[in-house]
């Protein structure tokens, strides 16, 4: 049926979006650590991120991106399956 979502395409779309956001976020944290923490504090309405922040390493950024990609693939697939079931 034309109204159904393609599970693989939805999953991969979320993977690409997640990878882009994760890499940009990691780069911002590496290049502008204080500014990035202030921005996150603003997004989370004044939460002091510096109390829980750690230094971002290249390896940590890669690991975080890989984990986020795996989760995005699972969530994207789950979303498409649930949508298709509800849609009928």
Protein backbone atom coordinates (compact mmCIF):
# COMPACT_ATOMS: atom_id res chain seq x y z
CA UNK A 1 0.00 0.00 0.00
CA UNK A 2 1.29 3.48 -0.87
CA UNK A 3 0.51 4.92 2.56
CA UNK A 4 2.89 2.58 4.36
CA UNK A 5 6.38 3.67 5.34
CA UNK A 6 9.41 1.80 4.11
CA UNK A 7 11.05 0.62 7.35
CA UNK A 8 14.58 0.63 5.94
CA UNK A 9 14.25 4.13 4.43
CA UNK A 10 12.82 5.61 7.61
CA UNK A 11 15.57 3.96 9.67
CA UNK A 12 18.33 5.18 7.36
CA UNK A 13 16.86 8.70 7.25
CA UNK A 14 17.00 8.87 11.03
CA UNK A 15 20.52 7.40 11.00
CA UNK A 16 21.77 10.11 8.61
CA UNK A 17 20.10 12.91 10.58
CA UNK A 18 21.48 11.53 13.87
CA UNK A 19 24.99 11.17 12.47
CA UNK A 20 25.03 14.75 11.19
CA UNK A 21 23.74 16.18 14.46
CA UNK A 22 26.13 14.04 16.53
CA UNK A 23 29.21 15.04 14.51
CA UNK A 24 28.28 18.74 14.55
CA UNK A 25 27.63 18.59 18.30
CA UNK A 26 30.96 16.85 18.97
CA UNK A 27 32.83 19.38 16.83
CA UNK A 28 31.17 22.28 18.64
CA UNK A 29 32.07 20.79 22.01
CA UNK A 30 35.68 20.29 20.92
CA UNK A 31 36.13 23.71 19.28
CA UNK A 32 33.91 25.83 21.57
CA UNK A 33 33.56 23.94 24.87
CA UNK A 34 32.39 26.84 27.06
CA UNK A 35 30.07 28.29 24.43
CA UNK A 36 28.58 24.88 23.78
CA UNK A 37 27.92 24.32 27.48
CA UNK A 38 26.26 27.74 27.72
CA UNK A 39 24.10 26.94 24.70
CA UNK A 40 23.05 23.60 26.19
CA UNK A 41 22.29 25.35 29.46
CA UNK A 42 20.03 27.74 27.56
CA UNK A 43 18.29 24.90 25.75
CA UNK A 44 17.67 23.16 29.07
CA UNK A 45 16.44 26.36 30.74
CA UNK A 46 19.37 27.21 32.95
CA UNK A 47 20.66 23.75 33.82
CA UNK A 48 24.35 24.02 34.69
CA UNK A 49 25.86 21.52 32.27
CA UNK A 50 29.40 22.25 33.51
CA UNK A 51 28.67 20.19 36.65
CA UNK A 52 28.28 17.02 34.59
CA UNK A 53 30.40 17.82 31.51
CA UNK A 54 33.42 15.75 30.58
CA UNK A 55 36.18 16.48 28.10
CA UNK A 56 35.22 15.23 24.66
CA UNK A 57 37.87 13.08 23.03
CA UNK A 58 37.99 11.96 19.41
CA UNK A 59 37.44 8.35 20.46
CA UNK A 60 34.58 9.29 22.73
CA UNK A 61 32.96 11.32 19.95
CA UNK A 62 33.24 8.38 17.54
CA UNK A 63 31.85 5.92 20.10
CA UNK A 64 28.98 8.23 20.96
CA UNK A 65 28.15 8.73 17.29
CA UNK A 66 28.20 4.97 16.61
CA UNK A 67 25.92 4.26 19.58
CA UNK A 68 23.56 7.07 18.53
CA UNK A 69 23.46 5.67 14.97
CA UNK A 70 22.59 2.18 16.20
CA UNK A 71 19.83 3.55 18.42
CA UNK A 72 18.54 5.76 15.59
CA UNK A 73 18.32 2.75 13.27
CA UNK A 74 16.35 0.79 15.87
CA UNK A 75 14.05 3.71 16.73
CA UNK A 76 13.48 4.56 13.05
CA UNK A 77 12.53 0.97 12.28
CA UNK A 78 10.29 0.73 15.30
CA UNK A 79 8.60 4.01 14.38
CA UNK A 80 7.90 2.83 10.82
CA UNK A 81 6.57 -0.54 11.99
CA UNK A 82 4.26 1.06 14.54
CA UNK A 83 3.10 3.67 12.01
CA UNK A 84 2.32 0.97 9.46
CA UNK A 85 0.38 -1.08 12.04
CA UNK A 86 -1.67 1.92 13.15
CA UNK A 87 -2.23 3.06 9.57
CA UNK A 88 -3.56 -0.36 8.69
